[in-house]
């Protein structure tokens, strides 16, 4: 039966010594134990057996004199093996020598057996202690591996919980990013509408080309939409940066979790290994190779830092989502209020223009009626002038005929006086009638000019109404709703 720690190589590594021709003395065997190197437990940790075992196995037993094994005997008592007498003559030992030799052999045998028994007891105790120590050490290693597996499982669960939360937060922030992009794209339509409204209103004519409240509100709307677009773009850039931070934190968590899973698999395998397990081999020198890069404190701190970084990124992402939601609501409400103000201004301006147009149409109708009446009066005056001219001709003809009366017949009688008065009255009347005719014609021209102004103003008002009501308000009816601005669709 081989002792633990003695490989088979020690048996056959050295050649066996040849058997001696003469059996060695009993003391020789005892002397060989004294020269053996004592056993050290540290030899189990060596890759192979030290040279001392080879030296012990290579010892060749030799004969030694009894004086070396038993220094207490006097040299004169030693029985020679070869007689000093001449060849062929031998001397027999005495009976005392024979008894003494037997007693010596008995004592030497008892001493050797006693030493062997003590050695066997020491070996049994040593083997038991080694077994208990190895079992205790292996149990402690197994217990430490179990604790390590539990620690890895704990951090794995923490990483999984944080990774799931980070994935949900990243998906929510990605949805918010899409809403921001849609909201930013939806502001392009109102901006173009307001700009086109300003361009269309520049086509107004005449006095209607004024810097009214509608134009002021349109300019304000353009400024509001531009400001909202800038804030949305800044928020979108911030969301994109936060998404990158979330992705980096998620990648760190996934990498750490993958390392934890691999470490858990390896440590679980090591924890389940037993002395009877398959796949256990010698790996000489592996205990001298230190491939570790961390200690338990730094190992736990690394994962804790990853989780803390992920939690910080999630908190920042949640705050950013809340501020983005508030920004979307605020910008939508701000643009909607300004849109309503512009529409109200357009409605008020359209109503005002329609009222002005109605009044112009009323004045134009009255002007046309007045022109008709003036023209009628002019015709009456002209007819009256013609009639008076005939009467003036009659009166002047009478006076002219009476100038031909002879001598004393040229009397300044009542008829003469009345004819002179009649002519003067008719001339005065004609002068008045001509003045009235000129005044009527001037008034008619003024009416015609006023009619032209009213008609031009009516055209201007019609053009303004068409621009504000048809073109501008027609485009503004297609303004996106609040739901579209907020990016829900």
Protein backbone atom coordinates (compact mmCIF):
# COMPACT_ATOMS: atom_id res chain seq x y z
CA UNK A 1 0.00 0.00 0.00
CA UNK A 2 1.43 3.36 -1.10
CA UNK A 3 1.58 6.35 1.21
CA UNK A 4 -0.21 9.54 0.16
CA UNK A 5 2.21 11.80 -1.66
CA UNK A 6 4.57 9.08 -3.00
CA UNK A 7 4.19 8.83 -6.77
CA UNK A 8 4.84 5.64 -8.60
CA UNK A 9 7.76 7.29 -10.31
CA UNK A 10 9.90 6.97 -7.21
CA UNK A 11 9.75 3.17 -7.44
CA UNK A 12 11.10 2.80 -10.91
CA UNK A 13 13.12 5.95 -11.35
CA UNK A 14 16.27 4.36 -9.79
CA UNK A 15 17.56 0.86 -10.50
CA UNK A 16 17.23 -1.69 -7.71
CA UNK A 17 20.47 -2.55 -5.93
CA UNK A 18 21.83 -6.03 -6.40
CA UNK A 19 21.22 -8.41 -3.51
CA UNK A 20 24.19 -8.75 -1.18
CA UNK A 21 25.96 -12.04 -0.95
CA UNK A 22 25.80 -11.84 2.84
CA UNK A 23 22.71 -10.77 4.71
CA UNK A 24 23.17 -7.42 6.48
CA UNK A 25 23.02 -7.13 10.17
CA UNK A 26 19.88 -6.04 11.91
CA UNK A 27 21.57 -2.83 12.99
CA UNK A 28 22.04 -1.85 9.36
CA UNK A 29 18.29 -1.49 8.80
CA UNK A 30 17.96 0.71 11.88
CA UNK A 31 20.83 2.86 10.68
CA UNK A 32 19.12 3.35 7.32
CA UNK A 33 16.06 4.96 9.06
CA UNK A 34 18.36 7.41 10.80
CA UNK A 35 19.67 8.71 7.47
CA UNK A 36 16.16 9.26 5.95
CA UNK A 37 14.97 12.87 5.46
CA UNK A 38 11.92 13.69 7.69
CA UNK A 39 8.53 14.12 5.97
CA UNK A 40 7.26 17.68 5.41
CA UNK A 41 3.59 18.38 4.52
CA UNK A 42 4.71 21.23 2.28
CA UNK A 43 5.88 18.69 -0.28
CA UNK A 44 2.24 18.15 -1.36
CA UNK A 45 2.15 21.63 -2.85
CA UNK A 46 5.22 20.99 -5.00
CA UNK A 47 4.72 20.12 -8.66
CA UNK A 48 6.68 16.88 -8.36
CA UNK A 49 8.50 15.04 -5.57
CA UNK A 50 11.72 16.69 -4.35
CA UNK A 51 15.16 15.21 -4.82
CA UNK A 52 15.25 13.92 -1.26
CA UNK A 53 12.88 11.10 -2.18
CA UNK A 54 15.10 10.08 -5.06
CA UNK A 55 18.08 10.06 -2.72
CA UNK A 56 16.23 7.94 -0.17
CA UNK A 57 15.14 5.48 -2.84
CA UNK A 58 18.66 5.25 -4.25
CA UNK A 59 20.34 4.16 -1.02
CA UNK A 60 22.06 0.80 -1.30
CA UNK A 61 22.22 -1.18 1.94
CA UNK A 62 25.78 -2.07 2.93
CA UNK A 63 27.34 -4.02 5.70
CA UNK A 64 28.54 -2.14 8.73
CA UNK A 65 30.45 -3.41 11.71
CA UNK A 66 28.75 -4.02 14.97
CA UNK A 67 30.82 -1.30 16.54
CA UNK A 68 29.05 1.33 14.48
CA UNK A 69 25.55 -0.04 15.27
CA UNK A 70 26.32 -0.80 18.95
CA UNK A 71 28.99 1.58 20.15
CA UNK A 72 28.66 0.25 23.72
CA UNK A 73 30.34 -3.13 22.97
CA UNK A 74 34.13 -3.39 23.47
CA UNK A 75 36.12 -4.27 20.42
CA UNK A 76 37.61 -7.34 22.09
CA UNK A 77 34.15 -8.90 22.40
CA UNK A 78 33.48 -8.85 18.69
CA UNK A 79 33.44 -12.29 17.17
CA UNK A 80 35.38 -12.33 13.95
CA UNK A 81 33.82 -13.96 10.93
CA UNK A 82 37.13 -15.15 9.57
CA UNK A 83 39.62 -16.81 11.78
CA UNK A 84 43.07 -15.40 12.06
CA UNK A 85 44.40 -18.85 12.23
CA UNK A 86 46.01 -20.46 9.31
CA UNK A 87 43.83 -21.51 6.48
CA UNK A 88 41.73 -24.52 7.05
CA UNK A 89 41.62 -24.06 10.93
CA UNK A 90 38.42 -22.58 12.55
CA UNK A 91 37.68 -21.60 16.19
CA UNK A 92 34.26 -22.25 17.71
CA UNK A 93 32.35 -19.51 19.70
CA UNK A 94 31.60 -20.02 23.34
CA UNK A 95 28.11 -20.60 24.72
CA UNK A 96 28.12 -17.18 26.37
CA UNK A 97 28.85 -15.60 23.06
CA UNK A 98 25.93 -17.42 21.54
CA UNK A 99 23.50 -16.34 24.30
CA UNK A 100 24.81 -12.83 24.21
CA UNK A 101 24.30 -12.64 20.45
CA UNK A 102 20.74 -13.88 20.76
CA UNK A 103 19.92 -11.38 23.49
CA UNK A 104 21.39 -8.60 21.40
CA UNK A 105 19.27 -9.60 18.43
CA UNK A 106 16.15 -9.80 20.61
CA UNK A 107 16.68 -6.35 22.06
CA UNK A 108 17.40 -4.88 18.63
CA UNK A 109 14.24 -6.51 17.24
CA UNK A 110 12.13 -5.18 20.12
CA UNK A 111 13.55 -1.67 19.66
CA UNK A 112 12.88 -1.79 15.94
CA UNK A 113 9.31 -3.02 16.44
CA UNK A 114 8.71 -0.36 19.06
CA UNK A 115 9.97 2.31 16.69
CA UNK A 116 7.81 0.88 13.89
CA UNK A 117 4.69 0.90 16.08
CA UNK A 118 5.34 4.49 17.13
CA UNK A 119 5.90 5.44 13.52
CA UNK A 120 2.64 3.76 12.48
CA UNK A 121 0.77 5.63 15.20
CA UNK A 122 2.35 8.91 14.10
CA UNK A 123 1.48 8.16 10.48
CA UNK A 124 -2.13 7.31 11.37
CA UNK A 125 -2.48 10.50 13.39
CA UNK A 126 -0.80 12.53 10.64
CA UNK A 127 -3.04 11.04 7.94
CA UNK A 128 -6.12 11.75 10.07
CA UNK A 129 -5.00 15.32 10.74
CA UNK A 130 -4.25 15.84 7.05
CA UNK A 131 -7.66 14.46 6.10
CA UNK A 132 -9.44 16.68 8.62
CA UNK A 133 -7.44 19.76 7.62
CA UNK A 134 -8.00 19.12 3.92
CA UNK A 135 -11.70 18.54 4.49
CA UNK A 136 -11.98 21.70 6.62
CA UNK A 137 -10.04 23.77 4.06
CA UNK A 138 -12.13 22.43 1.21
CA UNK A 139 -15.32 23.13 3.18
CA UNK A 140 -14.22 26.69 3.84
CA UNK A 141 -13.42 27.17 0.14
CA UNK A 142 -16.80 25.71 -0.80
CA UNK A 143 -18.53 27.97 1.73
CA UNK A 144 -16.69 31.01 0.37
CA UNK A 145 -17.66 30.03 -3.15
CA UNK A 146 -21.29 29.73 -2.03
CA UNK A 147 -21.16 33.21 -0.51
CA UNK A 148 -19.59 34.49 -3.69
CA UNK A 149 -22.36 32.91 -5.78
CA UNK A 150 -24.98 34.54 -3.53
CA UNK A 151 -23.26 37.92 -3.88
CA UNK A 152 -23.19 37.55 -7.65
CA UNK A 153 -26.86 36.57 -7.69
CA UNK A 154 -27.73 39.64 -5.60
CA UNK A 155 -25.89 42.03 -7.92
CA UNK A 156 -27.31 40.21 -10.92
CA UNK A 157 -30.83 40.82 -9.67
CA UNK A 158 -29.99 44.48 -8.98
CA UNK A 159 -28.52 44.84 -12.47
CA UNK A 160 -31.55 43.17 -14.07
CA UNK A 161 -33.97 45.45 -12.20
CA UNK A 162 -31.99 48.56 -13.12
CA UNK A 163 -31.55 47.39 -16.72
CA UNK A 164 -35.31 46.84 -17.11
CA UNK A 165 -35.99 50.29 -15.65
CA UNK A 166 -33.39 51.84 -17.94
CA UNK A 167 -34.88 50.11 -21.00
CA UNK A 168 -38.36 51.41 -20.13
CA UNK A 169 -37.03 54.92 -19.53
CA UNK A 170 -35.06 54.87 -22.78
CA UNK A 171 -38.15 53.74 -24.71
CA UNK A 172 -40.23 56.49 -23.10
CA UNK A 173 -37.58 59.08 -23.93
CA UNK A 174 -37.42 57.76 -27.52
CA UNK A 175 -41.20 58.22 -27.79
CA UNK A 176 -40.78 61.76 -26.47
CA UNK A 177 -38.08 62.33 -29.08
CA UNK A 178 -40.48 61.28 -31.84
CA UNK A 179 -43.16 63.59 -30.44
CA UNK A 180 -40.69 66.46 -30.40
CA UNK A 181 -39.69 65.78 -33.99
CA UNK A 182 -43.35 65.67 -35.09
CA UNK A 183 -44.15 68.83 -33.12
CA UNK A 184 -41.16 70.58 -34.66
CA UNK A 185 -42.26 69.48 -38.13
CA UNK A 186 -45.85 70.58 -37.42
CA UNK A 187 -44.72 74.13 -36.64
CA UNK A 188 -43.47 74.52 -40.21
CA UNK A 189 -47.05 74.69 -41.55
CA UNK A 190 -48.25 77.54 -39.30
CA UNK A 191 -45.03 79.43 -39.94
CA UNK A 192 -45.50 79.20 -43.71
CA UNK A 193 -49.18 80.14 -43.35
CA UNK A 194 -48.36 83.27 -41.36
CA UNK A 195 -45.61 84.22 -43.81
CA UNK A 196 -47.91 83.72 -46.79
CA UNK A 197 -50.60 85.79 -45.09
CA UNK A 198 -48.14 88.66 -44.79
CA UNK A 199 -47.15 88.29 -48.44
CA UNK A 200 -50.78 88.16 -49.58
CA UNK A 201 -51.70 91.23 -47.55
CA UNK A 202 -48.95 93.16 -49.32
CA UNK A 203 -51.14 92.87 -52.43
CA UNK A 204 -53.72 95.16 -50.90
CA UNK A 205 -54.27 98.38 -52.82
CA UNK A 206 -54.51 102.02 -51.99
CA UNK A 207 -55.56 103.12 -48.60
CA UNK A 208 -56.12 99.55 -47.43
CA UNK A 209 -52.37 98.90 -47.48
CA UNK A 210 -52.08 99.88 -43.82
CA UNK A 211 -50.11 98.55 -40.84
CA UNK A 212 -53.21 97.36 -39.03
CA UNK A 213 -53.67 95.07 -36.05
CA UNK A 214 -53.81 92.01 -38.28
CA UNK A 215 -50.35 92.68 -39.63
CA UNK A 216 -49.03 93.31 -36.12
CA UNK A 217 -50.50 90.04 -34.89
CA UNK A 218 -49.12 88.17 -37.89
CA UNK A 219 -45.64 89.51 -37.20
CA UNK A 220 -46.04 88.54 -33.55
CA UNK A 221 -47.20 85.07 -34.61
CA UNK A 222 -44.11 84.59 -36.76
CA UNK A 223 -41.90 85.62 -33.84
CA UNK A 224 -43.77 83.27 -31.48
CA UNK A 225 -43.52 80.33 -33.87
CA UNK A 226 -39.81 80.99 -34.46
CA UNK A 227 -39.21 81.17 -30.72
CA UNK A 228 -41.15 77.94 -30.15
CA UNK A 229 -39.19 76.22 -32.93
CA UNK A 230 -35.89 77.28 -31.37
CA UNK A 231 -36.92 76.00 -27.93
CA UNK A 232 -38.18 72.74 -29.39
CA UNK A 233 -34.94 72.29 -31.33
CA UNK A 234 -32.85 72.94 -28.21
CA UNK A 235 -34.99 70.48 -26.26
CA UNK A 236 -34.62 67.93 -29.08
CA UNK A 237 -30.83 68.29 -28.98
CA UNK A 238 -30.91 67.80 -25.20
CA UNK A 239 -33.10 64.71 -25.59
CA UNK A 240 -30.71 63.28 -28.18
CA UNK A 241 -27.77 63.81 -25.81
CA UNK A 242 -29.69 62.20 -22.96
CA UNK A 243 -30.54 59.24 -25.17
CA UNK A 244 -26.84 58.75 -25.83
CA UNK A 245 -26.15 58.89 -22.08
CA UNK A 246 -28.95 56.36 -21.47
CA UNK A 247 -27.57 54.06 -24.15
CA UNK A 248 -24.06 54.27 -22.68
CA UNK A 249 -25.37 53.49 -19.19
CA UNK A 250 -27.43 50.63 -20.62
CA UNK A 251 -24.40 49.22 -22.41
CA UNK A 252 -22.38 49.36 -19.18
CA UNK A 253 -25.18 47.55 -17.35
CA UNK A 254 -25.47 44.90 -20.08
CA UNK A 255 -21.71 44.39 -20.13
CA UNK A 256 -21.56 44.13 -16.34
CA UNK A 257 -24.55 41.77 -16.34
CA UNK A 258 -22.93 39.57 -18.99
CA UNK A 259 -19.74 39.44 -16.89
CA UNK A 260 -21.79 38.62 -13.80
CA UNK A 261 -23.58 35.81 -15.64
CA UNK A 262 -20.29 34.35 -16.82
CA UNK A 263 -18.76 34.69 -13.36
CA UNK A 264 -21.88 33.16 -11.79
CA UNK A 265 -21.70 30.22 -14.18
CA UNK A 266 -18.01 29.64 -13.42
CA UNK A 267 -18.34 30.05 -9.64
CA UNK A 268 -21.46 27.84 -9.58
CA UNK A 269 -19.51 25.19 -11.45
CA UNK A 270 -16.63 25.52 -8.98
CA UNK A 271 -19.08 25.41 -6.06
CA UNK A 272 -20.57 22.13 -7.31
CA UNK A 273 -17.19 20.43 -7.86
CA UNK A 274 -16.41 17.55 -5.50
CA UNK A 275 -13.62 15.03 -5.10
CA UNK A 276 -15.68 12.57 -7.15
CA UNK A 277 -16.56 15.05 -9.92
CA UNK A 278 -15.40 14.56 -13.46
CA UNK A 279 -13.08 16.98 -15.18
CA UNK A 280 -10.73 17.65 -12.27
CA UNK A 281 -7.04 17.66 -13.24
CA UNK A 282 -3.66 18.86 -12.08
CA UNK A 283 -2.78 22.43 -13.09
CA UNK A 284 0.73 22.83 -11.79
CA UNK A 285 1.69 26.38 -10.79
CA UNK A 286 -1.82 27.82 -11.16
CA UNK A 287 -1.79 28.95 -7.51
CA UNK A 288 1.28 31.08 -8.23
CA UNK A 289 -0.47 32.93 -11.07
CA UNK A 290 -2.48 35.91 -9.78
CA UNK A 291 -4.85 36.93 -12.62
CA UNK A 292 -7.18 38.95 -10.39
CA UNK A 293 -7.80 42.64 -11.16
CA UNK A 294 -10.05 43.62 -8.25
CA UNK A 295 -10.88 42.96 -4.64
CA UNK A 296 -14.39 42.44 -3.22
CA UNK A 297 -14.66 46.12 -2.28
CA UNK A 298 -13.70 47.41 -5.73
CA UNK A 299 -15.76 44.65 -7.37
CA UNK A 300 -18.91 45.67 -5.51
CA UNK A 301 -18.13 49.37 -5.93
CA UNK A 302 -17.81 48.91 -9.71
CA UNK A 303 -21.31 47.45 -10.04
CA UNK A 304 -22.70 49.94 -7.53
CA UNK A 305 -21.21 52.79 -9.58
CA UNK A 306 -22.77 51.39 -12.74
CA UNK A 307 -26.16 51.18 -11.05
CA UNK A 308 -25.77 54.67 -9.57
CA UNK A 309 -24.78 56.08 -12.97
CA UNK A 310 -27.81 54.40 -14.54
CA UNK A 311 -30.11 55.70 -11.80
CA UNK A 312 -28.74 59.23 -12.25
CA UNK A 313 -29.26 58.99 -16.00
CA UNK A 314 -32.81 57.71 -15.44
CA UNK A 315 -33.60 60.55 -13.03
CA UNK A 316 -32.24 63.11 -15.49
CA UNK A 317 -34.18 61.45 -18.29
CA UNK A 318 -37.42 61.51 -16.28
CA UNK A 319 -36.95 65.21 -15.46
CA UNK A 320 -36.18 65.90 -19.11
CA UNK A 321 -39.34 64.07 -20.18
CA UNK A 322 -41.40 66.11 -17.72
CA UNK A 323 -39.85 69.38 -18.90
CA UNK A 324 -40.32 68.33 -22.53
CA UNK A 325 -43.97 67.54 -21.89
CA UNK A 326 -44.38 70.94 -20.25
CA UNK A 327 -42.56 72.58 -23.16
CA UNK A 328 -44.83 70.87 -25.68
CA UNK A 329 -47.91 71.98 -23.79
CA UNK A 330 -46.56 75.50 -23.35
CA UNK A 331 -45.51 75.99 -26.96
CA UNK A 332 -48.77 74.53 -28.25
CA UNK A 333 -50.81 76.75 -25.95
CA UNK A 334 -48.70 79.81 -26.84
CA UNK A 335 -48.98 79.24 -30.58
CA UNK A 336 -52.68 78.45 -30.27
CA UNK A 337 -53.35 81.66 -28.33
CA UNK A 338 -51.47 83.71 -30.90
CA UNK A 339 -53.26 81.89 -33.68
CA UNK A 340 -56.58 82.79 -32.07
CA UNK A 341 -55.49 86.41 -31.71
CA UNK A 342 -54.60 86.59 -35.39
CA UNK A 343 -57.91 85.00 -36.32
CA UNK A 344 -59.76 87.45 -34.10
CA UNK A 345 -57.85 90.32 -35.68
CA UNK A 346 -58.68 88.97 -39.13
CA UNK A 347 -62.34 88.60 -38.18
CA UNK A 348 -62.46 92.11 -36.78
CA UNK A 349 -60.68 93.51 -39.80
CA UNK A 350 -62.91 91.61 -42.21
CA UNK A 351 -65.98 92.88 -40.37
CA UNK A 352 -64.62 96.40 -40.44
CA UNK A 353 -63.80 96.16 -44.13
CA UNK A 354 -67.21 94.65 -44.89
CA UNK A 355 -68.90 97.50 -43.01
CA UNK A 356 -66.82 100.02 -44.92
CA UNK A 357 -67.71 98.28 -48.14
CA UNK A 358 -71.40 98.37 -47.24
CA UNK A 359 -71.20 102.07 -46.42
CA UNK A 360 -69.34 102.74 -49.65
CA UNK A 361 -72.00 100.91 -51.57
CA UNK A 362 -74.68 102.98 -49.78
CA UNK A 363 -72.87 106.24 -50.49
CA UNK A 364 -72.27 105.18 -54.05
CA UNK A 365 -75.97 104.50 -54.53
CA UNK A 366 -76.86 107.84 -53.01
CA UNK A 367 -74.24 109.57 -55.15
CA UNK A 368 -75.59 107.97 -58.26
CA UNK A 369 -79.11 109.00 -57.26
CA UNK A 370 -77.93 112.53 -56.59
CA UNK A 371 -76.13 112.59 -59.92
CA UNK A 372 -79.31 111.54 -61.62
CA UNK A 373 -81.24 114.29 -59.89
CA UNK A 374 -78.56 116.91 -60.67
CA UNK A 375 -78.58 115.87 -64.29
CA UNK A 376 -82.35 116.22 -64.28
CA UNK A 377 -82.09 119.67 -62.71
CA UNK A 378 -79.46 120.69 -65.24
CA UNK A 379 -81.78 119.69 -68.01
CA UNK A 380 -84.58 121.70 -66.38
CA UNK A 381 -82.31 124.73 -66.01
CA UNK A 382 -81.18 124.43 -69.58
CA UNK A 383 -84.82 124.26 -70.72
CA UNK A 384 -85.66 127.24 -68.50
CA UNK A 385 -82.75 129.18 -69.97
CA UNK A 386 -83.95 128.41 -73.43
CA UNK A 387 -87.43 129.50 -72.50
CA UNK A 388 -86.17 132.75 -70.95
CA UNK A 389 -84.05 133.41 -73.98
CA UNK A 390 -87.19 133.21 -76.14
CA UNK A 391 -88.94 135.62 -73.79
CA UNK A 392 -85.87 137.88 -73.90
CA UNK A 393 -85.98 137.77 -77.67
CA UNK A 394 -89.63 138.75 -77.62
CA UNK A 395 -89.03 141.65 -75.25
CA UNK A 396 -85.96 142.87 -77.10
CA UNK A 397 -87.77 142.52 -80.43
CA UNK A 398 -90.61 144.64 -79.07
CA UNK A 399 -88.19 147.27 -77.86
CA UNK A 400 -86.37 147.19 -81.15
CA UNK A 401 -89.62 147.60 -83.05
CA UNK A 402 -90.72 150.51 -80.85
CA UNK A 403 -87.50 152.33 -81.59
CA UNK A 404 -88.82 152.78 -85.03
CA UNK A 405 -91.79 154.87 -83.85
CA UNK A 406 -91.76 158.24 -85.44
CA UNK A 407 -91.09 161.56 -83.63
CA UNK A 408 -93.25 162.10 -80.63
CA UNK A 409 -94.45 158.54 -80.74
CA UNK A 410 -91.24 157.66 -79.16
CA UNK A 411 -92.92 158.02 -75.84
CA UNK A 412 -91.51 156.58 -72.61
CA UNK A 413 -94.77 155.14 -71.67
CA UNK A 414 -95.61 152.39 -69.24
CA UNK A 415 -95.23 149.75 -71.94
CA UNK A 416 -91.74 151.01 -72.69
CA UNK A 417 -90.80 151.01 -69.05
CA UNK A 418 -92.27 147.57 -68.53
CA UNK A 419 -90.44 146.14 -71.55
CA UNK A 420 -87.17 147.57 -70.26
CA UNK A 421 -87.87 146.10 -66.85
CA UNK A 422 -88.82 142.80 -68.45
CA UNK A 423 -85.56 142.67 -70.40
CA UNK A 424 -83.57 143.48 -67.27
CA UNK A 425 -85.47 140.92 -65.27
CA UNK A 426 -84.97 138.26 -67.93
CA UNK A 427 -81.25 139.03 -68.16
CA UNK A 428 -80.94 138.84 -64.40
CA UNK A 429 -82.85 135.61 -64.45
CA UNK A 430 -80.63 134.24 -67.19
CA UNK A 431 -77.54 135.20 -65.26
CA UNK A 432 -78.92 133.42 -62.24
CA UNK A 433 -79.89 130.44 -64.30
CA UNK A 434 -76.43 130.26 -65.87
CA UNK A 435 -74.87 130.47 -62.45
CA UNK A 436 -77.15 127.68 -61.28
CA UNK A 437 -76.27 125.71 -64.39
CA UNK A 438 -72.54 126.12 -63.76
CA UNK A 439 -72.99 125.24 -60.12
CA UNK A 440 -75.02 122.20 -61.07
CA UNK A 441 -72.45 121.13 -63.60
CA UNK A 442 -69.67 121.62 -61.07
CA UNK A 443 -71.63 119.63 -58.54
CA UNK A 444 -72.20 116.96 -61.14
CA UNK A 445 -68.47 116.78 -61.76
CA UNK A 446 -67.86 116.53 -58.03
CA UNK A 447 -70.45 113.80 -57.83
CA UNK A 448 -68.82 112.02 -60.73
CA UNK A 449 -65.43 112.30 -59.02
CA UNK A 450 -66.90 111.11 -55.73
CA UNK A 451 -68.57 108.30 -57.60
CA UNK A 452 -65.21 107.31 -59.06
CA UNK A 453 -63.54 107.49 -55.67
CA UNK A 454 -66.28 105.40 -54.14
CA UNK A 455 -66.11 102.87 -56.93
CA UNK A 456 -62.31 102.63 -56.62
CA UNK A 457 -62.61 102.35 -52.88
CA UNK A 458 -65.19 99.65 -53.36
CA UNK A 459 -62.78 97.75 -55.59
CA UNK A 460 -60.08 98.18 -52.96
CA UNK A 461 -62.37 96.92 -50.24
CA UNK A 462 -63.44 93.96 -52.37
CA UNK A 463 -59.76 93.14 -52.96
CA UNK A 464 -58.98 93.43 -49.25
CA UNK A 465 -61.95 91.27 -48.36
CA UNK A 466 -60.90 88.68 -50.90
CA UNK A 467 -57.33 88.61 -49.55
CA UNK A 468 -58.29 88.51 -45.86
CA UNK A 469 -61.37 86.35 -46.08
CA UNK A 470 -60.66 84.00 -48.95
CA UNK A 471 -56.92 83.63 -49.16
CA UNK A 472 -55.68 84.25 -45.61
CA UNK A 473 -58.58 82.80 -43.64
CA UNK A 474 -58.89 79.98 -46.16
CA UNK A 475 -55.31 78.95 -45.38
CA UNK A 476 -55.70 79.45 -41.65
CA UNK A 477 -58.64 77.07 -41.50
CA UNK A 478 -56.16 74.23 -42.23
CA UNK A 479 -54.03 75.09 -39.16
CA UNK A 480 -53.11 71.89 -37.23
CA UNK A 481 -55.00 71.19 -34.05
CA UNK A 482 -53.49 71.17 -30.58
CA UNK A 483 -53.24 67.36 -30.65
CA UNK A 484 -51.10 67.55 -33.78
CA UNK A 485 -48.92 70.28 -32.31
CA UNK A 486 -48.33 68.21 -29.17
CA UNK A 487 -47.19 65.31 -31.35
CA UNK A 488 -49.74 62.71 -30.27
CA UNK A 489 -50.51 61.79 -33.90
